[in-house]
C-alpha cells in the first residue's frame, strides 16, 4: 500500500475529540464528586491518545524515519512535533505562572465545599515556583521527577511522556522494531515493565516501594501502549501485503495492552475496525465536519480544561451555591457551563496560537 493509495483517515478527528472530551468530562465528574461509570476514569482516555500517537508516528513518518534514519529527517521530525505542541503549552504555562496562587485558592475552596472539609488535600502547585521547575517544564523533562509530575494547573504530565516517546521513536525505527523477533522482544519487555514497575514506582494514588509517581509520566510505564499503536500502524500499512505478517503484527499490538483497563481494549478494537473499513458507514459518520472541527480543538480541550473549569466551578458556587446541590445536578449544570467555556477558548487558542505555530514550523522547514 503506497501513501497515494491510502485513504484519508478522517475519523481520527472524531476519536481525538471523543478522547479529549472524555478526559475533560471525567475530570469534571471528579471535581463534582459525581461518579460516572467509565467517564470517571479519564486515565483510560489518555491511553487511547497514546495508541493514536504511536499509530500516527509510524503512519506519518514511514517515508523517512520508518525506512531509514538521517540527521535531516530526525531534525524535521522533532521540529514538526515541537511547533505542534509547544506554542499553546508555553502560553498556558505563562498564564499558570501568573495565576497559580489564585487558581489554587479557588480549587481548594471548591474542593472543600463540594467534597467536605475532611476531603483529602490536593497536589501543591509548586512546578513554577523555582527556576529549576520552570526550566524542567519548558524542556518537558519534568515528568521524570515525581515531585513535578502534577505541579501546575495543567494535565501536562502526558506531554512530558509523549516527548520521551518522540526521543525514543527514531531509535526504535533504526533498530527495526517491525522485524518479527525484535518485535516480540519489545512487546515482552515493555509489557512486563508496565505490569511490574508500578509496584516500585507507584501508580496514581498507590505509592511505590521506591517512589511515588502520581501519574505514569515515565515512558517505561507506558511504552507498551505507544508500541501497540505503532504495531497497529505497521499492520495497517502492510494490510495489502502478506496476511500472515499482518496477523502477527496485529496480535503483537493486542498483547501490548495486557496492562491496561478493559475499556482501552474496546477503544483499540474500535480503532482497528475503523481502519479495516475506512470507507464504511461508521467511518463516514465519524468524518462529518463537526467532528473534524472538534478534532482540531482536541489538543486545546485537553490542555486547558483543568485550568478553566476550576474558576468556572468556583464562580458558579459563589453565585448559585452549586456545591450544596446534589452531585448529579451540579455535574449536569457544570458540564453545560464548563463545556461552553472550554470549547470557546479551545477554538480561539487553535486559531490564534496553534495554527500560527504549526505554520511557523512548516515555514522554517521549507527554508531548509
Protein backbone atom coordinates (compact mmCIF):
# COMPACT_ATOMS: atom_id res chain seq x y z
CA UNK A 1 0.00 0.00 0.00
CA UNK A 2 1.52 3.33 -1.05
CA UNK A 3 0.85 6.71 0.52
CA UNK A 4 -1.11 7.80 -2.54
CA UNK A 5 -3.43 4.81 -2.35
CA UNK A 6 -4.08 5.20 1.37
CA UNK A 7 -7.48 6.64 2.28
CA UNK A 8 -7.61 9.78 4.41
CA UNK A 9 -8.35 8.70 7.95
CA UNK A 10 -10.85 11.46 8.70
CA UNK A 11 -12.40 9.51 11.55
CA UNK A 12 -9.26 10.14 13.61
CA UNK A 13 -10.56 13.64 14.35
CA UNK A 14 -13.66 12.15 15.95
CA UNK A 15 -11.56 9.74 18.02
CA UNK A 16 -9.30 12.52 19.25
CA UNK A 17 -12.27 14.75 20.06
CA UNK A 18 -14.03 11.95 21.92
CA UNK A 19 -10.95 11.17 23.99
CA UNK A 20 -10.36 14.85 24.84
CA UNK A 21 -13.98 15.28 25.95
CA UNK A 22 -13.73 12.04 27.95
CA UNK A 23 -10.74 13.41 29.88
CA UNK A 24 -12.44 16.79 30.34
CA UNK A 25 -15.82 15.47 31.49
CA UNK A 26 -14.12 12.76 33.56
CA UNK A 27 -12.05 15.28 35.48
CA UNK A 28 -15.16 17.43 35.89
CA UNK A 29 -17.03 14.46 37.37
CA UNK A 30 -14.23 14.00 39.92
CA UNK A 31 -14.34 17.70 40.81
CA UNK A 32 -18.12 17.49 41.25
CA UNK A 33 -17.91 14.35 43.43
CA UNK A 34 -20.13 12.54 40.94
CA UNK A 35 -19.16 9.04 39.86
CA UNK A 36 -19.97 8.29 36.20
CA UNK A 37 -19.14 4.74 35.06
CA UNK A 38 -16.27 4.71 32.51
CA UNK A 39 -16.27 8.52 32.23
CA UNK A 40 -14.80 8.88 35.72
CA UNK A 41 -11.67 7.00 34.58
CA UNK A 42 -10.03 9.62 32.34
CA UNK A 43 -6.68 7.83 32.53
CA UNK A 44 -8.06 5.23 30.12
CA UNK A 45 -8.73 8.02 27.60
CA UNK A 46 -5.10 9.11 27.87
CA UNK A 47 -4.11 5.53 26.97
CA UNK A 48 -6.27 5.95 23.88
CA UNK A 49 -4.32 9.09 22.98
CA UNK A 50 -1.09 7.11 23.31
CA UNK A 51 -2.36 4.44 20.91
CA UNK A 52 -3.27 7.11 18.36
CA UNK A 53 0.08 8.86 18.87
CA UNK A 54 2.03 5.65 18.29
CA UNK A 55 -0.06 4.93 15.20
CA UNK A 56 0.41 8.41 13.72
CA UNK A 57 4.15 8.43 14.31
CA UNK A 58 4.52 5.39 12.07
CA UNK A 59 1.79 6.42 9.66
CA UNK A 60 3.18 9.90 9.02
CA UNK A 61 6.92 9.14 9.03
CA UNK A 62 7.10 5.89 7.05
CA UNK A 63 8.80 7.57 4.09
CA UNK A 64 11.71 8.74 6.26
CA UNK A 65 12.11 7.51 9.81
CA UNK A 66 10.19 4.32 9.13
CA UNK A 67 12.61 3.30 6.41
CA UNK A 68 15.98 4.91 7.11
CA UNK A 69 17.42 7.34 9.63
CA UNK A 70 19.12 10.56 8.56
CA UNK A 71 20.09 13.64 10.55
CA UNK A 72 17.81 15.88 8.48
CA UNK A 73 14.86 13.51 8.83
CA UNK A 74 15.23 13.38 12.61
CA UNK A 75 15.61 17.16 12.82
CA UNK A 76 12.50 17.76 10.72
CA UNK A 77 10.61 15.23 12.79
CA UNK A 78 11.40 16.98 16.07
CA UNK A 79 10.77 20.49 14.75
CA UNK A 80 7.37 19.46 13.41
CA UNK A 81 6.29 17.96 16.74
CA UNK A 82 7.74 20.85 18.77
CA UNK A 83 5.86 23.52 16.84
CA UNK A 84 2.68 21.49 17.13
CA UNK A 85 2.80 21.08 20.91
CA UNK A 86 4.93 23.85 22.42
CA UNK A 87 3.27 27.17 21.41
CA UNK A 88 -0.02 26.64 23.26
CA UNK A 89 1.74 24.88 26.12
CA UNK A 90 4.12 27.79 26.70
CA UNK A 91 1.23 30.27 26.66
CA UNK A 92 -0.62 28.16 29.24
CA UNK A 93 2.50 27.89 31.40
CA UNK A 94 2.75 31.68 31.40
CA UNK A 95 -0.90 32.01 32.43
CA UNK A 96 -0.37 29.41 35.15
CA UNK A 97 2.65 31.27 36.48
CA UNK A 98 0.65 34.49 36.70
CA UNK A 99 -2.46 33.00 38.28
CA UNK A 100 -1.32 29.91 40.21
CA UNK A 101 -1.95 31.37 43.69
CA UNK A 102 -5.48 32.49 42.85
CA UNK A 103 -6.22 29.27 40.95
CA UNK A 104 -5.05 27.11 43.87
CA UNK A 105 -7.17 29.08 46.34
CA UNK A 106 -10.28 28.67 44.16
CA UNK A 107 -9.58 24.97 43.64
CA UNK A 108 -9.14 24.26 47.34
CA UNK A 109 -12.23 26.30 48.27
CA UNK A 110 -14.36 24.43 45.75
CA UNK A 111 -12.95 21.04 46.72
CA UNK A 112 -13.64 21.62 50.39
CA UNK A 113 -17.17 22.90 49.73
CA UNK A 114 -18.15 20.08 47.34
CA UNK A 115 -16.34 17.17 48.97
CA UNK A 116 -16.45 18.18 52.63
CA UNK A 117 -13.89 19.81 54.87
CA UNK A 118 -12.33 16.42 55.63
CA UNK A 119 -11.56 15.74 51.95
CA UNK A 120 -8.01 14.68 51.14
CA UNK A 121 -5.76 17.61 50.21
CA UNK A 122 -4.84 18.09 46.56
CA UNK A 123 -1.41 18.48 45.00
CA UNK A 124 0.59 21.63 45.70
CA UNK A 125 1.15 23.74 42.58
CA UNK A 126 4.90 24.25 43.01
CA UNK A 127 6.10 23.50 39.48
CA UNK A 128 6.76 27.13 38.52
CA UNK A 129 7.93 28.37 41.91
CA UNK A 130 11.64 27.86 41.18
CA UNK A 131 13.94 28.35 38.22
CA UNK A 132 14.57 24.60 38.12
CA UNK A 133 10.85 23.91 37.88
CA UNK A 134 10.38 26.47 35.11
CA UNK A 135 13.25 25.01 33.08
CA UNK A 136 12.03 21.46 33.67
CA UNK A 137 8.56 22.32 32.37
CA UNK A 138 9.83 24.40 29.46
CA UNK A 139 12.01 21.49 28.31
CA UNK A 140 9.31 18.86 29.01
CA UNK A 141 11.61 16.82 31.27
CA UNK A 142 9.57 17.46 34.44
CA UNK A 143 7.78 14.12 34.05
CA UNK A 144 11.00 12.36 35.02
CA UNK A 145 10.74 13.75 38.57
CA UNK A 146 7.95 12.60 40.92
CA UNK A 147 7.60 15.97 42.70
CA UNK A 148 6.87 17.83 39.45
CA UNK A 149 4.53 15.37 37.72
CA UNK A 150 1.36 17.16 38.89
CA UNK A 151 2.71 20.53 39.97
CA UNK A 152 1.00 23.03 37.62
CA UNK A 153 -2.74 23.56 36.89
CA UNK A 154 -2.49 21.56 33.65
CA UNK A 155 -2.69 17.84 32.77
CA UNK A 156 0.71 18.22 31.15
CA UNK A 157 2.33 15.06 32.52
CA UNK A 158 1.28 13.30 29.32
CA UNK A 159 3.13 15.92 27.23
CA UNK A 160 6.36 15.03 29.01
CA UNK A 161 5.57 11.37 28.42
CA UNK A 162 4.93 11.99 24.74
CA UNK A 163 8.15 13.94 24.34
CA UNK A 164 10.04 11.00 25.85
CA UNK A 165 8.39 8.81 23.23
CA UNK A 166 9.44 11.19 20.46
CA UNK A 167 13.06 10.97 21.64
CA UNK A 168 12.98 7.18 21.57
CA UNK A 169 10.97 6.75 18.37
CA UNK A 170 13.82 7.29 15.85
CA UNK A 171 15.89 4.75 17.78
CA UNK A 172 13.08 2.20 17.53
CA UNK A 173 12.95 2.82 13.79
CA UNK A 174 16.72 2.47 13.48
CA UNK A 175 16.73 -0.87 15.29
CA UNK A 176 13.93 -2.18 13.05
CA UNK A 177 11.17 -2.70 15.61
CA UNK A 178 8.96 -4.15 12.83
CA UNK A 179 11.22 -7.18 12.37
CA UNK A 180 9.50 -10.23 13.83
CA UNK A 181 11.87 -11.29 16.63
CA UNK A 182 12.74 -7.73 17.61
CA UNK A 183 9.02 -7.02 17.73
CA UNK A 184 8.46 -9.96 20.09
CA UNK A 185 11.32 -8.84 22.30
CA UNK A 186 10.00 -5.29 22.53
CA UNK A 187 6.45 -6.42 23.26
CA UNK A 188 7.53 -8.78 26.04
CA UNK A 189 9.93 -6.35 27.72
CA UNK A 190 7.72 -3.25 27.55
CA UNK A 191 4.61 -5.11 28.70
CA UNK A 192 6.44 -6.69 31.65
CA UNK A 193 7.77 -3.27 32.64
CA UNK A 194 4.25 -1.84 32.56
CA UNK A 195 2.96 -4.68 34.73
CA UNK A 196 5.78 -4.85 37.29
CA UNK A 197 7.28 -1.37 37.68
CA UNK A 198 4.19 0.34 39.17
CA UNK A 199 4.83 -1.77 42.28
CA UNK A 200 8.13 0.06 42.71
CA UNK A 201 7.42 3.46 41.15
CA UNK A 202 3.83 3.98 42.23
CA UNK A 203 0.70 4.42 40.15
CA UNK A 204 -1.93 7.12 40.69
CA UNK A 205 -2.93 7.08 44.40
CA UNK A 206 -0.86 3.99 45.27
CA UNK A 207 2.75 4.75 46.32
CA UNK A 208 5.55 2.50 45.08
CA UNK A 209 8.20 0.75 47.11
CA UNK A 210 10.87 3.13 45.78
CA UNK A 211 8.99 6.34 44.95
CA UNK A 212 5.55 7.65 44.03
CA UNK A 213 4.68 8.84 40.54
CA UNK A 214 1.09 10.06 40.91
CA UNK A 215 0.75 9.78 37.12
CA UNK A 216 2.55 7.32 34.79
CA UNK A 217 4.78 10.05 33.37
CA UNK A 218 7.82 7.79 32.83
CA UNK A 219 7.96 6.27 29.37
CA UNK A 220 8.93 2.89 30.77
CA UNK A 221 5.45 2.69 32.34
CA UNK A 222 3.59 3.33 29.08
CA UNK A 223 5.89 2.45 26.18
CA UNK A 224 3.85 -0.70 25.60
CA UNK A 225 0.75 1.41 24.87
CA UNK A 226 2.61 3.57 22.33
CA UNK A 227 4.06 0.40 20.83
CA UNK A 228 0.55 -1.01 20.42
CA UNK A 229 -0.32 1.95 18.19
CA UNK A 230 2.92 1.60 16.25
CA UNK A 231 2.27 -2.07 15.54
CA UNK A 232 -1.31 -1.32 14.56
CA UNK A 233 0.07 1.17 12.02
CA UNK A 234 2.51 -1.45 10.77
CA UNK A 235 -0.40 -3.86 10.33
CA UNK A 236 -2.41 -1.19 8.52
CA UNK A 237 0.40 -0.17 6.16
CA UNK A 238 1.02 -3.83 5.26
CA UNK A 239 -2.68 -4.67 5.02
CA UNK A 240 -2.46 -5.30 1.27
CA UNK A 241 0.64 -7.48 1.68
CA UNK A 242 1.20 -10.86 3.33
CA UNK A 243 -1.69 -11.83 5.54
CA UNK A 244 0.43 -13.85 7.99
CA UNK A 245 2.67 -10.89 8.76
CA UNK A 246 -0.39 -8.68 9.15
CA UNK A 247 -1.95 -11.03 11.69
CA UNK A 248 1.33 -11.32 13.56
CA UNK A 249 1.71 -7.54 13.92
CA UNK A 250 -1.91 -7.19 14.98
CA UNK A 251 -1.53 -9.95 17.56
CA UNK A 252 1.56 -8.29 19.00
CA UNK A 253 -0.32 -4.98 19.18
CA UNK A 254 -3.05 -6.63 21.22
CA UNK A 255 -0.55 -8.27 23.58
CA UNK A 256 0.95 -4.87 24.31
CA UNK A 257 -2.29 -3.91 26.07
CA UNK A 258 -2.10 -6.57 28.78
CA UNK A 259 -1.52 -3.88 31.42
CA UNK A 260 -4.40 -1.52 30.56
CA UNK A 261 -8.05 -1.39 31.58
CA UNK A 262 -10.59 -3.38 29.50
CA UNK A 263 -12.18 -0.17 28.23
CA UNK A 264 -8.90 0.58 26.43
CA UNK A 265 -9.21 -2.76 24.65
CA UNK A 266 -12.65 -1.64 23.47
CA UNK A 267 -11.12 1.56 22.08
CA UNK A 268 -8.37 -0.43 20.36
CA UNK A 269 -10.94 -2.73 18.74
CA UNK A 270 -12.96 0.27 17.56
CA UNK A 271 -9.81 1.83 16.09
CA UNK A 272 -8.94 -1.45 14.35
CA UNK A 273 -12.49 -1.77 13.00
CA UNK A 274 -12.40 1.75 11.54
CA UNK A 275 -9.01 1.09 9.93
CA UNK A 276 -10.34 -2.14 8.44
CA UNK A 277 -13.30 -0.29 6.90
CA UNK A 278 -12.12 3.27 6.16
CA UNK A 279 -14.98 3.78 3.69
CA UNK A 280 -17.62 2.08 5.84
CA UNK A 281 -20.76 3.65 7.28
CA UNK A 282 -19.34 4.21 10.77
CA UNK A 283 -16.18 5.82 9.37
CA UNK A 284 -18.34 8.12 7.26
CA UNK A 285 -20.48 9.06 10.25
CA UNK A 286 -17.36 9.96 12.22
CA UNK A 287 -15.93 12.07 9.37
CA UNK A 288 -18.52 14.86 9.35
CA UNK A 289 -17.28 18.49 9.58
CA UNK A 290 -18.39 18.86 13.22
CA UNK A 291 -16.06 16.10 14.37
CA UNK A 292 -13.30 17.48 12.17
CA UNK A 293 -13.59 20.84 13.91
CA UNK A 294 -13.66 19.25 17.35
CA UNK A 295 -10.60 17.22 16.36
CA UNK A 296 -8.78 20.46 15.56
CA UNK A 297 -9.63 21.72 19.03
CA UNK A 298 -8.90 18.45 20.85
CA UNK A 299 -5.36 19.38 21.96
CA UNK A 300 -6.63 22.67 23.35
CA UNK A 301 -9.57 20.98 25.09
CA UNK A 302 -7.21 18.53 26.73
CA UNK A 303 -4.60 21.06 27.78
CA UNK A 304 -6.73 23.94 29.09
CA UNK A 305 -9.75 22.25 30.68
CA UNK A 306 -8.42 21.91 34.24
CA UNK A 307 -7.13 25.48 34.23
CA UNK A 308 -10.52 26.85 33.15
CA UNK A 309 -13.05 24.64 34.91
CA UNK A 310 -11.79 25.47 38.43
CA UNK A 311 -12.60 29.22 38.29
CA UNK A 312 -15.88 28.44 36.50
CA UNK A 313 -16.92 25.99 39.23
CA UNK A 314 -15.81 28.41 41.95
CA UNK A 315 -17.69 31.29 40.30
CA UNK A 316 -20.90 29.25 39.93
CA UNK A 317 -20.66 28.31 43.59
CA UNK A 318 -20.32 31.94 44.60
CA UNK A 319 -23.44 32.88 42.64
CA UNK A 320 -25.63 29.76 42.74
CA UNK A 321 -24.10 27.80 45.65
CA UNK A 322 -23.95 24.68 43.49
CA UNK A 323 -21.70 22.89 46.00
CA UNK A 324 -24.88 22.45 48.09
CA UNK A 325 -26.75 20.80 45.22
CA UNK A 326 -26.87 17.07 44.65
CA UNK A 327 -23.81 15.70 42.82
CA UNK A 328 -25.95 14.84 39.78
CA UNK A 329 -27.47 18.32 39.46
CA UNK A 330 -24.21 20.19 39.92
CA UNK A 331 -22.48 17.91 37.42
CA UNK A 332 -25.17 18.37 34.76
CA UNK A 333 -25.11 22.15 35.12
CA UNK A 334 -21.32 22.22 35.27
CA UNK A 335 -21.00 20.17 32.08
CA UNK A 336 -23.04 22.76 30.20
CA UNK A 337 -21.31 25.87 31.53
CA UNK A 338 -17.76 24.48 31.61
CA UNK A 339 -18.07 22.88 28.17
CA UNK A 340 -19.17 26.16 26.60
CA UNK A 341 -16.24 27.96 28.23
CA UNK A 342 -13.62 25.36 27.31
CA UNK A 343 -14.82 24.88 23.72
CA UNK A 344 -14.88 28.62 23.02
CA UNK A 345 -11.39 29.10 24.42
CA UNK A 346 -10.05 25.99 22.65
CA UNK A 347 -11.38 27.34 19.35
CA UNK A 348 -9.78 30.74 19.95
CA UNK A 349 -6.45 29.25 21.00
CA UNK A 350 -6.43 26.95 17.97
CA UNK A 351 -6.95 29.90 15.64
CA UNK A 352 -4.65 32.40 17.38
CA UNK A 353 -1.86 30.19 18.74
CA UNK A 354 -1.85 26.61 17.43
CA UNK A 355 -2.31 27.30 13.72
CA UNK A 356 0.30 30.11 13.57
CA UNK A 357 2.73 27.85 15.46
CA UNK A 358 2.21 24.99 13.01
CA UNK A 359 2.60 27.36 10.05
CA UNK A 360 5.81 28.79 11.52
CA UNK A 361 7.23 25.29 11.89
CA UNK A 362 6.37 24.49 8.28
CA UNK A 363 7.92 27.76 7.13
CA UNK A 364 11.18 27.02 8.94
CA UNK A 365 11.31 23.53 7.46
CA UNK A 366 10.55 24.83 3.97
CA UNK A 367 13.53 27.23 4.16
CA UNK A 368 16.00 24.32 4.55
